[in-house]
Amino acid sequence: MPHSASAKKRHSQSLVRRTRNRATKSVLKGLIRRVREAAAGGDHEGAATQYKTLVKKFDQAAAKGIVHLNLAARVKSRISAHLKAAKTAKKS
């Protein structure tokens, strides 16, 4: 446990940030799941709309330092490839 007043304040701030960051990460995971489900279900327009939302949210989270920039880029790239593969599989 913190002993000084400044340490107590920093601990309190870290707990607040932790809950906020965890909530944001949970939203991001939900967005990934929704995009993948829409693509697997054949709803390519819906998946594209969800993907735009996912990209925006990941960029915002990366800018705030909630997730690493490389993680955001990797997720966006993999989801984009997943959507492209699902779209071409439908045409074939």
PDB file of N, CA and C in Angstrom:
ATOM      1  N   MET A   1       0.842  -1.187   0.000  1.00  0.00           N
ATOM      2  CA  MET A   1       0.000   0.000   0.000  1.00  0.00           C
ATOM      3  C   MET A   1       0.880   1.240   0.000  1.00  0.00           C
ATOM      4  N   PRO A   2       0.425   2.280  -0.680  1.00  0.00           N
ATOM      5  CA  PRO A   2       1.201   3.521  -0.714  1.00  0.00           C
ATOM      6  C   PRO A   2       1.196   4.214   0.644  1.00  0.00           C
ATOM      7  N   HIS A   3       2.291   4.891   0.919  1.00  0.00           N
ATOM      8  CA  HIS A   3       2.425   5.560   2.209  1.00  0.00           C
ATOM      9  C   HIS A   3       2.288   7.074   2.082  1.00  0.00           C
ATOM     10  N   SER A   4       2.890   7.650   1.059  1.00  0.00           N
ATOM     11  CA  SER A   4       2.822   9.109   0.922  1.00  0.00           C
ATOM     12  C   SER A   4       1.540   9.508   0.200  1.00  0.00           C
ATOM     13  N   ALA A   5       1.194  10.766   0.331  1.00  0.00           N
ATOM     14  CA  ALA A   5      -0.033  11.277  -0.288  1.00  0.00           C
ATOM     15  C   ALA A   5       0.057  11.201  -1.809  1.00  0.00           C
ATOM     16  N   SER A   6       1.230  11.516  -2.343  1.00  0.00           N
ATOM     17  CA  SER A   6       1.382  11.481  -3.801  1.00  0.00           C
ATOM     18  C   SER A   6       1.305  10.048  -4.318  1.00  0.00           C
ATOM     19  N   ALA A   7       1.837   9.097  -3.563  1.00  0.00           N
ATOM     20  CA  ALA A   7       1.760   7.693  -3.965  1.00  0.00           C
ATOM     21  C   ALA A   7       0.322   7.196  -3.923  1.00  0.00           C
ATOM     22  N   LYS A   8      -0.432   7.654  -2.933  1.00  0.00           N
ATOM     23  CA  LYS A   8      -1.850   7.281  -2.850  1.00  0.00           C
ATOM     24  C   LYS A   8      -2.616   7.820  -4.049  1.00  0.00           C
ATOM     25  N   LYS A   9      -2.316   9.047  -4.424  1.00  0.00           N
ATOM     26  CA  LYS A   9      -2.991   9.653  -5.573  1.00  0.00           C
ATOM     27  C   LYS A   9      -2.635   8.902  -6.860  1.00  0.00           C
ATOM     28  N   ARG A  10      -1.350   8.578  -7.033  1.00  0.00           N
ATOM     29  CA  ARG A  10      -0.928   7.848  -8.229  1.00  0.00           C
ATOM     30  C   ARG A  10      -1.597   6.469  -8.285  1.00  0.00           C
ATOM     31  N   HIS A  11      -1.720   5.820  -7.152  1.00  0.00           N
ATOM     32  CA  HIS A  11      -2.376   4.517  -7.105  1.00  0.00           C
ATOM     33  C   HIS A  11      -3.849   4.647  -7.504  1.00  0.00           C
ATOM     34  N   SER A  12      -4.507   5.656  -6.985  1.00  0.00           N
ATOM     35  CA  SER A  12      -5.907   5.899  -7.325  1.00  0.00           C
ATOM     36  C   SER A  12      -6.062   6.178  -8.813  1.00  0.00           C
ATOM     37  N   GLN A  13      -5.160   6.987  -9.364  1.00  0.00           N
ATOM     38  CA  GLN A  13      -5.220   7.304 -10.788  1.00  0.00           C
ATOM     39  C   GLN A  13      -4.996   6.055 -11.642  1.00  0.00           C
ATOM     40  N   SER A  14      -4.067   5.210 -11.200  1.00  0.00           N
ATOM     41  CA  SER A  14      -3.782   4.008 -11.975  1.00  0.00           C
ATOM     42  C   SER A  14      -4.983   3.060 -11.983  1.00  0.00           C
ATOM     43  N   LEU A  15      -5.708   2.998 -10.882  1.00  0.00           N
ATOM     44  CA  LEU A  15      -6.903   2.143 -10.835  1.00  0.00           C
ATOM     45  C   LEU A  15      -7.986   2.662 -11.775  1.00  0.00           C
ATOM     46  N   VAL A  16      -8.160   3.970 -11.822  1.00  0.00           N
ATOM     47  CA  VAL A  16      -9.154   4.569 -12.714  1.00  0.00           C
ATOM     48  C   VAL A  16      -8.773   4.299 -14.167  1.00  0.00           C
ATOM     49  N   ARG A  17      -7.500   4.520 -14.485  1.00  0.00           N
ATOM     50  CA  ARG A  17      -7.036   4.296 -15.859  1.00  0.00           C
ATOM     51  C   ARG A  17      -7.156   2.826 -16.250  1.00  0.00           C
ATOM     52  N   ARG A  18      -6.872   1.944 -15.292  1.00  0.00           N
ATOM     53  CA  ARG A  18      -6.941   0.509 -15.571  1.00  0.00           C
ATOM     54  C   ARG A  18      -8.358   0.102 -15.952  1.00  0.00           C
ATOM     55  N   THR A  19      -9.341   0.576 -15.203  1.00  0.00           N
ATOM     56  CA  THR A  19     -10.722   0.206 -15.527  1.00  0.00           C
ATOM     57  C   THR A  19     -11.145   0.797 -16.869  1.00  0.00           C
ATOM     58  N   ARG A  20     -10.707   2.018 -17.143  1.00  0.00           N
ATOM     59  CA  ARG A  20     -11.049   2.654 -18.426  1.00  0.00           C
ATOM     60  C   ARG A  20     -10.394   1.905 -19.583  1.00  0.00           C
ATOM     61  N   ASN A  21      -9.129   1.536 -19.426  1.00  0.00           N
ATOM     62  CA  ASN A  21      -8.412   0.815 -20.484  1.00  0.00           C
ATOM     63  C   ASN A  21      -9.006  -0.567 -20.711  1.00  0.00           C
ATOM     64  N   ARG A  22      -9.384  -1.233 -19.622  1.00  0.00           N
ATOM     65  CA  ARG A  22      -9.982  -2.560 -19.770  1.00  0.00           C
ATOM     66  C   ARG A  22     -11.319  -2.480 -20.502  1.00  0.00           C
ATOM     67  N   ALA A  23     -12.098  -1.462 -20.225  1.00  0.00           N
ATOM     68  CA  ALA A  23     -13.377  -1.285 -20.910  1.00  0.00           C
ATOM     69  C   ALA A  23     -13.153  -1.039 -22.400  1.00  0.00           C
ATOM     70  N   THR A  24     -12.164  -0.225 -22.726  1.00  0.00           N
ATOM     71  CA  THR A  24     -11.867   0.058 -24.129  1.00  0.00           C
ATOM     72  C   THR A  24     -11.402  -1.199 -24.847  1.00  0.00           C
ATOM     73  N   LYS A  25     -10.538  -1.976 -24.204  1.00  0.00           N
ATOM     74  CA  LYS A  25     -10.062  -3.206 -24.822  1.00  0.00           C
ATOM     75  C   LYS A  25     -11.205  -4.196 -25.032  1.00  0.00           C
ATOM     76  N   SER A  26     -12.145  -4.214 -24.119  1.00  0.00           N
ATOM     77  CA  SER A  26     -13.307  -5.083 -24.262  1.00  0.00           C
ATOM     78  C   SER A  26     -14.152  -4.673 -25.466  1.00  0.00           C
ATOM     79  N   VAL A  27     -14.328  -3.375 -25.657  1.00  0.00           N
ATOM     80  CA  VAL A  27     -15.068  -2.870 -26.822  1.00  0.00           C
ATOM     81  C   VAL A  27     -14.356  -3.268 -28.109  1.00  0.00           C
ATOM     82  N   LEU A  28     -13.033  -3.148 -28.115  1.00  0.00           N
ATOM     83  CA  LEU A  28     -12.261  -3.495 -29.310  1.00  0.00           C
ATOM     84  C   LEU A  28     -12.398  -4.973 -29.651  1.00  0.00           C
ATOM     85  N   LYS A  29     -12.354  -5.826 -28.633  1.00  0.00           N
ATOM     86  CA  LYS A  29     -12.525  -7.265 -28.873  1.00  0.00           C
ATOM     87  C   LYS A  29     -13.913  -7.569 -29.429  1.00  0.00           C
ATOM     88  N   GLY A  30     -14.917  -6.859 -28.927  1.00  0.00           N
ATOM     89  CA  GLY A  30     -16.275  -7.038 -29.433  1.00  0.00           C
ATOM     90  C   GLY A  30     -16.406  -6.612 -30.886  1.00  0.00           C
ATOM     91  N   LEU A  31     -15.723  -5.525 -31.250  1.00  0.00           N
ATOM     92  CA  LEU A  31     -15.747  -5.067 -32.638  1.00  0.00           C
ATOM     93  C   LEU A  31     -15.105  -6.100 -33.562  1.00  0.00           C
ATOM     94  N   ILE A  32     -13.991  -6.662 -33.124  1.00  0.00           N
ATOM     95  CA  ILE A  32     -13.328  -7.694 -33.927  1.00  0.00           C
ATOM     96  C   ILE A  32     -14.265  -8.878 -34.138  1.00  0.00           C
ATOM     97  N   ARG A  33     -14.912  -9.301 -33.065  1.00  0.00           N
ATOM     98  CA  ARG A  33     -15.834 -10.439 -33.156  1.00  0.00           C
ATOM     99  C   ARG A  33     -16.984 -10.139 -34.113  1.00  0.00           C
ATOM    100  N   ARG A  34     -17.568  -8.932 -34.020  1.00  0.00           N
ATOM    101  CA  ARG A  34     -18.690  -8.582 -34.890  1.00  0.00           C
ATOM    102  C   ARG A  34     -18.296  -8.533 -36.365  1.00  0.00           C
ATOM    103  N   VAL A  35     -17.105  -8.014 -36.662  1.00  0.00           N
ATOM    104  CA  VAL A  35     -16.640  -7.961 -38.054  1.00  0.00           C
ATOM    105  C   VAL A  35     -16.443  -9.374 -38.589  1.00  0.00           C
ATOM    106  N   ARG A  36     -15.803 -10.219 -37.797  1.00  0.00           N
ATOM    107  CA  ARG A  36     -15.564 -11.600 -38.236  1.00  0.00           C
ATOM    108  C   ARG A  36     -16.874 -12.363 -38.445  1.00  0.00           C
ATOM    109  N   GLU A  37     -17.841 -12.163 -37.547  1.00  0.00           N
ATOM    110  CA  GLU A  37     -19.123 -12.842 -37.678  1.00  0.00           C
ATOM    111  C   GLU A  37     -19.883 -12.357 -38.910  1.00  0.00           C
ATOM    112  N   ALA A  38     -19.831 -11.052 -39.162  1.00  0.00           N
ATOM    113  CA  ALA A  38     -20.520 -10.514 -40.338  1.00  0.00           C
ATOM    114  C   ALA A  38     -19.893 -11.051 -41.619  1.00  0.00           C
ATOM    115  N   ALA A  39     -18.567 -11.133 -41.656  1.00  0.00           N
ATOM    116  CA  ALA A  39     -17.882 -11.650 -42.845  1.00  0.00           C
ATOM    117  C   ALA A  39     -18.182 -13.134 -43.033  1.00  0.00           C
ATOM    118  N   ALA A  40     -18.190 -13.879 -41.946  1.00  0.00           N
ATOM    119  CA  ALA A  40     -18.468 -15.314 -42.038  1.00  0.00           C
ATOM    120  C   ALA A  40     -19.914 -15.569 -42.442  1.00  0.00           C
ATOM    121  N   GLY A  41     -20.800 -14.683 -42.042  1.00  0.00           N
ATOM    122  CA  GLY A  41     -22.211 -14.827 -42.370  1.00  0.00           C
ATOM    123  C   GLY A  41     -22.569 -14.373 -43.771  1.00  0.00           C
ATOM    124  N   GLY A  42     -21.625 -13.771 -44.477  1.00  0.00           N
ATOM    125  CA  GLY A  42     -21.872 -13.334 -45.846  1.00  0.00           C
ATOM    126  C   GLY A  42     -22.370 -11.914 -45.968  1.00  0.00           C
ATOM    127  N   ASP A  43     -22.472 -11.203 -44.884  1.00  0.00           N
ATOM    128  CA  ASP A  43     -22.924  -9.810 -44.897  1.00  0.00           C
ATOM    129  C   ASP A  43     -21.714  -8.900 -45.121  1.00  0.00           C
ATOM    130  N   HIS A  44     -21.300  -8.767 -46.376  1.00  0.00           N
ATOM    131  CA  HIS A  44     -20.073  -8.038 -46.685  1.00  0.00           C
ATOM    132  C   HIS A  44     -20.225  -6.529 -46.524  1.00  0.00           C
ATOM    133  N   GLU A  45     -21.413  -6.003 -46.800  1.00  0.00           N
ATOM    134  CA  GLU A  45     -21.623  -4.565 -46.606  1.00  0.00           C
ATOM    135  C   GLU A  45     -21.604  -4.223 -45.118  1.00  0.00           C
ATOM    136  N   GLY A  46     -22.248  -5.044 -44.328  1.00  0.00           N
ATOM    137  CA  GLY A  46     -22.249  -4.845 -42.882  1.00  0.00           C
ATOM    138  C   GLY A  46     -20.859  -5.007 -42.292  1.00  0.00           C
ATOM    139  N   ALA A  47     -20.118  -5.970 -42.818  1.00  0.00           N
ATOM    140  CA  ALA A  47     -18.753  -6.189 -42.335  1.00  0.00           C
ATOM    141  C   ALA A  47     -17.867  -5.006 -42.682  1.00  0.00           C
ATOM    142  N   ALA A  48     -18.065  -4.435 -43.867  1.00  0.00           N
ATOM    143  CA  ALA A  48     -17.267  -3.272 -44.268  1.00  0.00           C
ATOM    144  C   ALA A  48     -17.580  -2.065 -43.382  1.00  0.00           C
ATOM    145  N   THR A  49     -18.842  -1.886 -43.040  1.00  0.00           N
ATOM    146  CA  THR A  49     -19.234  -0.791 -42.152  1.00  0.00           C
ATOM    147  C   THR A  49     -18.641  -0.995 -40.761  1.00  0.00           C
ATOM    148  N   GLN A  50     -18.728  -2.216 -40.255  1.00  0.00           N
ATOM    149  CA  GLN A  50     -18.164  -2.532 -38.951  1.00  0.00           C
ATOM    150  C   GLN A  50     -16.640  -2.365 -38.967  1.00  0.00           C
ATOM    151  N   TYR A  51     -16.017  -2.694 -40.107  1.00  0.00           N
ATOM    152  CA  TYR A  51     -14.563  -2.572 -40.226  1.00  0.00           C
ATOM    153  C   TYR A  51     -14.129  -1.108 -40.128  1.00  0.00           C
ATOM    154  N   LYS A  52     -14.890  -0.216 -40.733  1.00  0.00           N
ATOM    155  CA  LYS A  52     -14.562   1.210 -40.650  1.00  0.00           C
ATOM    156  C   LYS A  52     -14.614   1.682 -39.198  1.00  0.00           C
ATOM    157  N   THR A  53     -15.608   1.221 -38.461  1.00  0.00           N
ATOM    158  CA  THR A  53     -15.715   1.561 -37.045  1.00  0.00           C
ATOM    159  C   THR A  53     -14.539   0.981 -36.275  1.00  0.00           C
ATOM    160  N   LEU A  54     -14.179  -0.263 -36.578  1.00  0.00           N
ATOM    161  CA  LEU A  54     -13.063  -0.920 -35.913  1.00  0.00           C
ATOM    162  C   LEU A  54     -11.759  -0.160 -36.136  1.00  0.00           C
ATOM    163  N   VAL A  55     -11.514   0.269 -37.359  1.00  0.00           N
ATOM    164  CA  VAL A  55     -10.288   1.003 -37.673  1.00  0.00           C
ATOM    165  C   VAL A  55     -10.221   2.305 -36.885  1.00  0.00           C
ATOM    166  N   LYS A  56     -11.317   3.009 -36.830  1.00  0.00           N
ATOM    167  CA  LYS A  56     -11.341   4.280 -36.104  1.00  0.00           C
ATOM    168  C   LYS A  56     -11.073   4.068 -34.615  1.00  0.00           C
ATOM    169  N   LYS A  57     -11.746   3.093 -34.024  1.00  0.00           N
ATOM    170  CA  LYS A  57     -11.582   2.834 -32.594  1.00  0.00           C
ATOM    171  C   LYS A  57     -10.161   2.368 -32.266  1.00  0.00           C
ATOM    172  N   PHE A  58      -9.585   1.517 -33.122  1.00  0.00           N
ATOM    173  CA  PHE A  58      -8.222   1.056 -32.870  1.00  0.00           C
ATOM    174  C   PHE A  58      -7.222   2.197 -33.008  1.00  0.00           C
ATOM    175  N   ASP A  59      -7.427   3.070 -33.991  1.00  0.00           N
ATOM    176  CA  ASP A  59      -6.532   4.210 -34.143  1.00  0.00           C
ATOM    177  C   ASP A  59      -6.616   5.138 -32.936  1.00  0.00           C
ATOM    178  N   GLN A  60      -7.813   5.349 -32.425  1.00  0.00           N
ATOM    179  CA  GLN A  60      -7.980   6.197 -31.244  1.00  0.00           C
ATOM    180  C   GLN A  60      -7.319   5.564 -30.027  1.00  0.00           C
ATOM    181  N   ALA A  61      -7.505   4.259 -29.853  1.00  0.00           N
ATOM    182  CA  ALA A  61      -6.909   3.571 -28.709  1.00  0.00           C
ATOM    183  C   ALA A  61      -5.383   3.584 -28.805  1.00  0.00           C
ATOM    184  N   ALA A  62      -4.856   3.432 -30.004  1.00  0.00           N
ATOM    185  CA  ALA A  62      -3.406   3.456 -30.182  1.00  0.00           C
ATOM    186  C   ALA A  62      -2.849   4.854 -29.924  1.00  0.00           C
ATOM    187  N   ALA A  63      -3.575   5.870 -30.336  1.00  0.00           N
ATOM    188  CA  ALA A  63      -3.125   7.245 -30.113  1.00  0.00           C
ATOM    189  C   ALA A  63      -3.092   7.577 -28.624  1.00  0.00           C
ATOM    190  N   LYS A  64      -4.016   6.995 -27.865  1.00  0.00           N
ATOM    191  CA  LYS A  64      -4.066   7.251 -26.423  1.00  0.00           C
ATOM    192  C   LYS A  64      -3.119   6.345 -25.645  1.00  0.00           C
ATOM    193  N   GLY A  65      -2.525   5.362 -26.311  1.00  0.00           N
ATOM    194  CA  GLY A  65      -1.595   4.470 -25.642  1.00  0.00           C
ATOM    195  C   GLY A  65      -2.264   3.297 -24.950  1.00  0.00           C
ATOM    196  N   ILE A  66      -3.523   3.064 -25.225  1.00  0.00           N
ATOM    197  CA  ILE A  66      -4.238   1.943 -24.610  1.00  0.00           C
ATOM    198  C   ILE A  66      -3.749   0.625 -25.216  1.00  0.00           C
ATOM    199  N   VAL A  67      -3.564   0.629 -26.521  1.00  0.00           N
ATOM    200  CA  VAL A  67      -2.954  -0.508 -27.213  1.00  0.00           C
ATOM    201  C   VAL A  67      -1.734   0.013 -27.973  1.00  0.00           C
ATOM    202  N   HIS A  68      -0.806  -0.860 -28.271  1.00  0.00           N
ATOM    203  CA  HIS A  68       0.402  -0.467 -28.987  1.00  0.00           C
ATOM    204  C   HIS A  68       0.061  -0.185 -30.452  1.00  0.00           C
ATOM    205  N   LEU A  69       0.813   0.726 -31.051  1.00  0.00           N
ATOM    206  CA  LEU A  69       0.587   1.073 -32.455  1.00  0.00           C
ATOM    207  C   LEU A  69       0.719  -0.147 -33.363  1.00  0.00           C
ATOM    208  N   ASN A  70       1.703  -0.980 -33.090  1.00  0.00           N
ATOM    209  CA  ASN A  70       1.908  -2.164 -33.925  1.00  0.00           C
ATOM    210  C   ASN A  70       0.762  -3.160 -33.776  1.00  0.00           C
ATOM    211  N   LEU A  71       0.201  -3.274 -32.586  1.00  0.00           N
ATOM    212  CA  LEU A  71      -0.930  -4.171 -32.378  1.00  0.00           C
ATOM    213  C   LEU A  71      -2.123  -3.688 -33.195  1.00  0.00           C
ATOM    214  N   ALA A  72      -2.357  -2.389 -33.184  1.00  0.00           N
ATOM    215  CA  ALA A  72      -3.475  -1.836 -33.944  1.00  0.00           C
ATOM    216  C   ALA A  72      -3.277  -2.089 -35.439  1.00  0.00           C
ATOM    217  N   ALA A  73      -2.070  -1.878 -35.921  1.00  0.00           N
ATOM    218  CA  ALA A  73      -1.783  -2.102 -37.339  1.00  0.00           C
ATOM    219  C   ALA A  73      -1.939  -3.573 -37.702  1.00  0.00           C
ATOM    220  N   ARG A  74      -1.479  -4.453 -36.821  1.00  0.00           N
ATOM    221  CA  ARG A  74      -1.566  -5.889 -37.084  1.00  0.00           C
ATOM    222  C   ARG A  74      -3.018  -6.365 -37.136  1.00  0.00           C
ATOM    223  N   VAL A  75      -3.824  -5.892 -36.196  1.00  0.00           N
ATOM    224  CA  VAL A  75      -5.235  -6.293 -36.168  1.00  0.00           C
ATOM    225  C   VAL A  75      -5.953  -5.783 -37.413  1.00  0.00           C
ATOM    226  N   LYS A  76      -5.722  -4.525 -37.762  1.00  0.00           N
ATOM    227  CA  LYS A  76      -6.378  -3.957 -38.944  1.00  0.00           C
ATOM    228  C   LYS A  76      -5.984  -4.719 -40.207  1.00  0.00           C
ATOM    229  N   SER A  77      -4.717  -5.068 -40.313  1.00  0.00           N
ATOM    230  CA  SER A  77      -4.242  -5.798 -41.479  1.00  0.00           C
ATOM    231  C   SER A  77      -4.860  -7.189 -41.564  1.00  0.00           C
ATOM    232  N   ARG A  78      -4.891  -7.883 -40.444  1.00  0.00           N
ATOM    233  CA  ARG A  78      -5.431  -9.248 -40.444  1.00  0.00           C
ATOM    234  C   ARG A  78      -6.928  -9.268 -40.712  1.00  0.00           C
ATOM    235  N   ILE A  79      -7.652  -8.322 -40.139  1.00  0.00           N
ATOM    236  CA  ILE A  79      -9.100  -8.265 -40.378  1.00  0.00           C
ATOM    237  C   ILE A  79      -9.378  -7.906 -41.832  1.00  0.00           C
ATOM    238  N   SER A  80      -8.589  -6.982 -42.372  1.00  0.00           N
ATOM    239  CA  SER A  80      -8.748  -6.598 -43.773  1.00  0.00           C
ATOM    240  C   SER A  80      -8.520  -7.802 -44.686  1.00  0.00           C
ATOM    241  N   ALA A  81      -7.482  -8.582 -44.412  1.00  0.00           N
ATOM    242  CA  ALA A  81      -7.211  -9.786 -45.196  1.00  0.00           C
ATOM    243  C   ALA A  81      -8.342 -10.802 -45.043  1.00  0.00           C
ATOM    244  N   HIS A  82      -8.876 -10.897 -43.834  1.00  0.00           N
ATOM    245  CA  HIS A  82      -9.987 -11.813 -43.574  1.00  0.00           C
ATOM    246  C   HIS A  82     -11.221 -11.417 -44.397  1.00  0.00           C
ATOM    247  N   LEU A  83     -11.510 -10.120 -44.446  1.00  0.00           N
ATOM    248  CA  LEU A  83     -12.650  -9.641 -45.224  1.00  0.00           C
ATOM    249  C   LEU A  83     -12.447  -9.888 -46.714  1.00  0.00           C
ATOM    250  N   LYS A  84     -11.229  -9.624 -47.176  1.00  0.00           N
ATOM    251  CA  LYS A  84     -10.928  -9.837 -48.585  1.00  0.00           C
ATOM    252  C   LYS A  84     -11.064 -11.306 -48.965  1.00  0.00           C
ATOM    253  N   ALA A  85     -10.572 -12.196 -48.114  1.00  0.00           N
ATOM    254  CA  ALA A  85     -10.668 -13.632 -48.370  1.00  0.00           C
ATOM    255  C   ALA A  85     -12.118 -14.088 -48.371  1.00  0.00           C
ATOM    256  N   ALA A  86     -12.922 -13.555 -47.462  1.00  0.00           N
ATOM    257  CA  ALA A  86     -14.332 -13.944 -47.395  1.00  0.00           C
ATOM    258  C   ALA A  86     -15.080 -13.455 -48.632  1.00  0.00           C
ATOM    259  N   LYS A  87     -14.706 -12.287 -49.105  1.00  0.00           N
ATOM    260  CA  LYS A  87     -15.361 -11.733 -50.285  1.00  0.00           C
ATOM    261  C   LYS A  87     -15.027 -12.519 -51.538  1.00  0.00           C
ATOM    262  N   THR A  88     -13.754 -12.892 -51.709  1.00  0.00           N
ATOM    263  CA  THR A  88     -13.345 -13.667 -52.884  1.00  0.00           C
ATOM    264  C   THR A  88     -13.877 -15.092 -52.806  1.00  0.00           C
ATOM    265  N   ALA A  89     -14.011 -15.642 -51.614  1.00  0.00           N
ATOM    266  CA  ALA A  89     -14.546 -17.006 -51.468  1.00  0.00           C
ATOM    267  C   ALA A  89     -16.004 -17.045 -51.891  1.00  0.00           C
ATOM    268  N   LYS A  90     -16.715 -15.932 -51.658  1.00  0.00           N
ATOM    269  CA  LYS A  90     -18.124 -15.864 -52.032  1.00  0.00           C
ATOM    270  C   LYS A  90     -18.280 -15.837 -53.547  1.00  0.00           C
ATOM    271  N   LYS A  91     -17.387 -15.107 -54.224  1.00  0.00           N
ATOM    272  CA  LYS A  91     -17.468 -14.994 -55.674  1.00  0.00           C
ATOM    273  C   LYS A  91     -17.130 -16.299 -56.378  1.00  0.00           C
ATOM    274  N   SER A  92     -16.232 -17.096 -55.793  1.00  0.00           N
ATOM    275  CA  SER A  92     -15.802 -18.344 -56.423  1.00  0.00           C
ATOM    276  C   SER A  92     -16.837 -19.415 -56.379  1.00  0.00           C
TER     277      SER A  92
END
